[in-house]
């Protein structure tokens, strides 16, 4: 994932999206080469470009298929989207408190059981999203 500070710089710059992204990738590659940690990772991924430009045929539509006009980001999926209210309710019962965004880190770090419960819920939701995405792609390819 592109470092957040570079993404923030990218959004503040003027110019075309392609030029801004190219500048961001160049800055990231320089940072990647100069880093003192992560030497093993740099050995297997010396050039970040092929890694970040790999294609997994994910949807390009950023909007939630359930909630009209809402970007489907991690916060929306984990904490807001009605599709996963049952999962959130079950998690809240398992951890003994409401699963809300402002308590996310506290919940994760308060116990090993909480960590496992949250990561399992997130993994289950991601699997569900990928299944739905594959189904939509399959349906659109068969038309």
C-alpha atoms as a PDB file:
ATOM      1  CA  UNK A   1       0.000   0.000   0.000  1.00  0.00           C
ATOM      2  CA  UNK A   2       1.316   3.439  -0.877  1.00  0.00           C
ATOM      3  CA  UNK A   3       2.366   5.297   2.284  1.00  0.00           C
ATOM      4  CA  UNK A   4      -0.359   7.648   3.454  1.00  0.00           C
ATOM      5  CA  UNK A   5       1.848  10.726   3.522  1.00  0.00           C
ATOM      6  CA  UNK A   6       2.713  10.206  -0.158  1.00  0.00           C
ATOM      7  CA  UNK A   7      -0.955   9.712  -1.018  1.00  0.00           C
ATOM      8  CA  UNK A   8      -1.797  12.904   0.843  1.00  0.00           C
ATOM      9  CA  UNK A   9       0.898  14.780  -1.097  1.00  0.00           C
ATOM     10  CA  UNK A  10      -0.482  13.318  -4.316  1.00  0.00           C
ATOM     11  CA  UNK A  11      -3.959  14.636  -3.631  1.00  0.00           C
ATOM     12  CA  UNK A  12      -2.630  18.122  -2.931  1.00  0.00           C
ATOM     13  CA  UNK A  13      -0.582  18.352  -6.145  1.00  0.00           C
ATOM     14  CA  UNK A  14      -1.799  19.838  -9.387  1.00  0.00           C
ATOM     15  CA  UNK A  15      -1.658  17.964 -12.659  1.00  0.00           C
ATOM     16  CA  UNK A  16      -3.077  14.876 -14.244  1.00  0.00           C
ATOM     17  CA  UNK A  17      -3.775  11.784 -12.185  1.00  0.00           C
ATOM     18  CA  UNK A  18      -1.228   9.786 -14.181  1.00  0.00           C
ATOM     19  CA  UNK A  19       1.564  12.314 -13.616  1.00  0.00           C
ATOM     20  CA  UNK A  20       0.727  12.628  -9.921  1.00  0.00           C
ATOM     21  CA  UNK A  21       0.750   8.836  -9.472  1.00  0.00           C
ATOM     22  CA  UNK A  22       4.053   8.517 -11.335  1.00  0.00           C
ATOM     23  CA  UNK A  23       5.610  11.137  -9.039  1.00  0.00           C
ATOM     24  CA  UNK A  24       4.247   9.312  -5.986  1.00  0.00           C
ATOM     25  CA  UNK A  25       5.669   5.986  -7.181  1.00  0.00           C
ATOM     26  CA  UNK A  26       9.080   7.552  -7.823  1.00  0.00           C
ATOM     27  CA  UNK A  27       9.142   9.045  -4.300  1.00  0.00           C
ATOM     28  CA  UNK A  28       8.042   5.759  -2.797  1.00  0.00           C
ATOM     29  CA  UNK A  29      10.674   3.797  -4.728  1.00  0.00           C
ATOM     30  CA  UNK A  30      13.403   6.136  -3.462  1.00  0.00           C
ATOM     31  CA  UNK A  31      12.139   5.782   0.092  1.00  0.00           C
ATOM     32  CA  UNK A  32      11.961   2.000  -0.407  1.00  0.00           C
ATOM     33  CA  UNK A  33      15.599   1.849  -1.576  1.00  0.00           C
ATOM     34  CA  UNK A  34      16.860   4.065   1.268  1.00  0.00           C
ATOM     35  CA  UNK A  35      14.998   2.297   4.098  1.00  0.00           C
ATOM     36  CA  UNK A  36      17.145   0.696   6.770  1.00  0.00           C
ATOM     37  CA  UNK A  37      14.556  -1.884   7.766  1.00  0.00           C
ATOM     38  CA  UNK A  38      12.768  -4.458   5.618  1.00  0.00           C
ATOM     39  CA  UNK A  39      15.892  -5.743   3.859  1.00  0.00           C
ATOM     40  CA  UNK A  40      14.351  -9.194   3.339  1.00  0.00           C
ATOM     41  CA  UNK A  41      11.272  -7.709   1.715  1.00  0.00           C
ATOM     42  CA  UNK A  42      13.407  -5.464  -0.514  1.00  0.00           C
ATOM     43  CA  UNK A  43      15.370  -8.543  -1.612  1.00  0.00           C
ATOM     44  CA  UNK A  44      12.234 -10.188  -2.939  1.00  0.00           C
ATOM     45  CA  UNK A  45      10.519  -6.966  -4.094  1.00  0.00           C
ATOM     46  CA  UNK A  46      13.322  -4.642  -5.223  1.00  0.00           C
ATOM     47  CA  UNK A  47      11.046  -2.637  -7.524  1.00  0.00           C
ATOM     48  CA  UNK A  48       7.647  -1.653  -6.131  1.00  0.00           C
ATOM     49  CA  UNK A  49       6.106  -0.860  -9.533  1.00  0.00           C
ATOM     50  CA  UNK A  50       5.234  -4.421 -10.604  1.00  0.00           C
ATOM     51  CA  UNK A  51       3.987  -5.140  -7.104  1.00  0.00           C
ATOM     52  CA  UNK A  52       1.617  -2.176  -6.881  1.00  0.00           C
ATOM     53  CA  UNK A  53       0.432  -2.457 -10.476  1.00  0.00           C
ATOM     54  CA  UNK A  54      -0.520  -6.144 -10.261  1.00  0.00           C
ATOM     55  CA  UNK A  55      -4.067  -6.873 -11.335  1.00  0.00           C
ATOM     56  CA  UNK A  56      -6.452  -9.074  -9.353  1.00  0.00           C
ATOM     57  CA  UNK A  57      -9.559  -8.141 -11.320  1.00  0.00           C
ATOM     58  CA  UNK A  58     -11.145  -6.264  -8.462  1.00  0.00           C
ATOM     59  CA  UNK A  59     -14.077  -4.029  -9.175  1.00  0.00           C
ATOM     60  CA  UNK A  60     -13.260  -0.453  -9.964  1.00  0.00           C
ATOM     61  CA  UNK A  61     -16.573   0.831  -8.626  1.00  0.00           C
ATOM     62  CA  UNK A  62     -15.816   2.222  -5.140  1.00  0.00           C
ATOM     63  CA  UNK A  63     -19.454   2.382  -4.027  1.00  0.00           C
ATOM     64  CA  UNK A  64     -21.238   0.025  -1.657  1.00  0.00           C
ATOM     65  CA  UNK A  65     -23.689  -2.200  -3.515  1.00  0.00           C
ATOM     66  CA  UNK A  66     -26.029  -2.092  -0.529  1.00  0.00           C
ATOM     67  CA  UNK A  67     -25.954   1.579   0.503  1.00  0.00           C
ATOM     68  CA  UNK A  68     -26.693   4.081  -2.248  1.00  0.00           C
ATOM     69  CA  UNK A  69     -23.976   6.648  -2.881  1.00  0.00           C
ATOM     70  CA  UNK A  70     -21.654   5.502  -0.082  1.00  0.00           C
ATOM     71  CA  UNK A  71     -17.978   4.630  -0.620  1.00  0.00           C
ATOM     72  CA  UNK A  72     -17.337   1.045   0.462  1.00  0.00           C
ATOM     73  CA  UNK A  73     -14.227   1.482   2.576  1.00  0.00           C
ATOM     74  CA  UNK A  74     -13.100  -0.474   5.628  1.00  0.00           C
ATOM     75  CA  UNK A  75     -14.863   1.829   8.087  1.00  0.00           C
ATOM     76  CA  UNK A  76     -18.146   1.582   6.218  1.00  0.00           C
ATOM     77  CA  UNK A  77     -18.002  -2.204   5.924  1.00  0.00           C
ATOM     78  CA  UNK A  78     -16.828  -2.953   9.460  1.00  0.00           C
ATOM     79  CA  UNK A  79     -18.792  -0.346  11.395  1.00  0.00           C
ATOM     80  CA  UNK A  80     -21.711   1.025   9.353  1.00  0.00           C
ATOM     81  CA  UNK A  81     -23.037  -1.111   6.492  1.00  0.00           C
ATOM     82  CA  UNK A  82     -26.348  -2.792   7.375  1.00  0.00           C
ATOM     83  CA  UNK A  83     -25.260  -5.921   5.463  1.00  0.00           C
ATOM     84  CA  UNK A  84     -22.943  -6.790   8.341  1.00  0.00           C
ATOM     85  CA  UNK A  85     -25.002  -5.669  11.325  1.00  0.00           C
ATOM     86  CA  UNK A  86     -25.500  -9.299  12.441  1.00  0.00           C
ATOM     87  CA  UNK A  87     -21.738  -9.863  12.410  1.00  0.00           C
ATOM     88  CA  UNK A  88     -21.174  -6.682  14.427  1.00  0.00           C
ATOM     89  CA  UNK A  89     -23.862  -7.687  16.940  1.00  0.00           C
ATOM     90  CA  UNK A  90     -22.350 -11.154  17.342  1.00  0.00           C
ATOM     91  CA  UNK A  91     -18.888  -9.659  17.790  1.00  0.00           C
ATOM     92  CA  UNK A  92     -20.200  -7.183  20.375  1.00  0.00           C
ATOM     93  CA  UNK A  93     -21.679 -10.103  22.337  1.00  0.00           C
ATOM     94  CA  UNK A  94     -18.401 -12.043  22.087  1.00  0.00           C
ATOM     95  CA  UNK A  95     -16.256  -9.162  23.294  1.00  0.00           C
ATOM     96  CA  UNK A  96     -18.728  -7.897  25.890  1.00  0.00           C
ATOM     97  CA  UNK A  97     -19.030  -4.362  24.534  1.00  0.00           C
ATOM     98  CA  UNK A  98     -20.209  -2.432  21.506  1.00  0.00           C
ATOM     99  CA  UNK A  99     -17.891  -2.676  18.521  1.00  0.00           C
ATOM    100  CA  UNK A 100     -17.489   0.981  17.550  1.00  0.00           C
ATOM    101  CA  UNK A 101     -14.828   2.740  15.552  1.00  0.00           C
ATOM    102  CA  UNK A 102     -13.664   5.007  18.384  1.00  0.00           C
ATOM    103  CA  UNK A 103     -12.871   1.939  20.534  1.00  0.00           C
ATOM    104  CA  UNK A 104     -11.381  -0.165  17.736  1.00  0.00           C
ATOM    105  CA  UNK A 105      -7.740  -0.195  18.876  1.00  0.00           C
ATOM    106  CA  UNK A 106      -8.676  -0.561  22.538  1.00  0.00           C
ATOM    107  CA  UNK A 107     -10.896  -3.522  21.656  1.00  0.00           C
ATOM    108  CA  UNK A 108      -8.204  -5.168  19.528  1.00  0.00           C
ATOM    109  CA  UNK A 109      -5.453  -4.769  22.091  1.00  0.00           C
ATOM    110  CA  UNK A 110      -7.391  -5.481  25.281  1.00  0.00           C
ATOM    111  CA  UNK A 111      -7.172  -9.279  24.957  1.00  0.00           C
ATOM    112  CA  UNK A 112      -6.079 -12.097  22.685  1.00  0.00           C
ATOM    113  CA  UNK A 113      -9.693 -13.271  22.469  1.00  0.00           C
ATOM    114  CA  UNK A 114     -10.807  -9.850  21.230  1.00  0.00           C
ATOM    115  CA  UNK A 115      -8.011  -9.799  18.674  1.00  0.00           C
ATOM    116  CA  UNK A 116      -9.039 -13.199  17.345  1.00  0.00           C
ATOM    117  CA  UNK A 117     -12.754 -12.335  17.333  1.00  0.00           C
ATOM    118  CA  UNK A 118     -12.243  -9.067  15.437  1.00  0.00           C
ATOM    119  CA  UNK A 119      -9.827 -10.533  12.903  1.00  0.00           C
ATOM    120  CA  UNK A 120     -12.148 -13.486  12.264  1.00  0.00           C
ATOM    121  CA  UNK A 121     -15.096 -11.159  11.729  1.00  0.00           C
ATOM    122  CA  UNK A 122     -13.060  -8.994   9.345  1.00  0.00           C
ATOM    123  CA  UNK A 123     -11.840 -12.058   7.428  1.00  0.00           C
ATOM    124  CA  UNK A 124     -15.378 -13.436   7.141  1.00  0.00           C
ATOM    125  CA  UNK A 125     -16.647 -10.094   5.851  1.00  0.00           C
ATOM    126  CA  UNK A 126     -13.800  -9.877   3.309  1.00  0.00           C
ATOM    127  CA  UNK A 127     -14.606 -13.388   2.077  1.00  0.00           C
ATOM    128  CA  UNK A 128     -18.248 -12.407   1.713  1.00  0.00           C
ATOM    129  CA  UNK A 129     -17.322  -9.266  -0.222  1.00  0.00           C
ATOM    130  CA  UNK A 130     -15.010 -11.210  -2.559  1.00  0.00           C
ATOM    131  CA  UNK A 131     -17.691 -13.871  -3.194  1.00  0.00           C
ATOM    132  CA  UNK A 132     -20.225 -11.171  -4.062  1.00  0.00           C
ATOM    133  CA  UNK A 133     -17.687  -9.424  -6.287  1.00  0.00           C
ATOM    134  CA  UNK A 134     -16.870 -12.664  -8.128  1.00  0.00           C
ATOM    135  CA  UNK A 135     -20.581 -13.304  -8.601  1.00  0.00           C
ATOM    136  CA  UNK A 136     -21.158  -9.819 -10.031  1.00  0.00           C
ATOM    137  CA  UNK A 137     -18.149 -10.205 -12.330  1.00  0.00           C
ATOM    138  CA  UNK A 138     -19.374 -13.606 -13.447  1.00  0.00           C
ATOM    139  CA  UNK A 139     -22.829 -12.222 -14.177  1.00  0.00           C
ATOM    140  CA  UNK A 140     -21.457  -9.259 -16.117  1.00  0.00           C
ATOM    141  CA  UNK A 141     -19.124 -11.499 -18.161  1.00  0.00           C
ATOM    142  CA  UNK A 142     -21.971 -13.828 -19.123  1.00  0.00           C
ATOM    143  CA  UNK A 143     -24.020 -11.022 -20.661  1.00  0.00           C
END
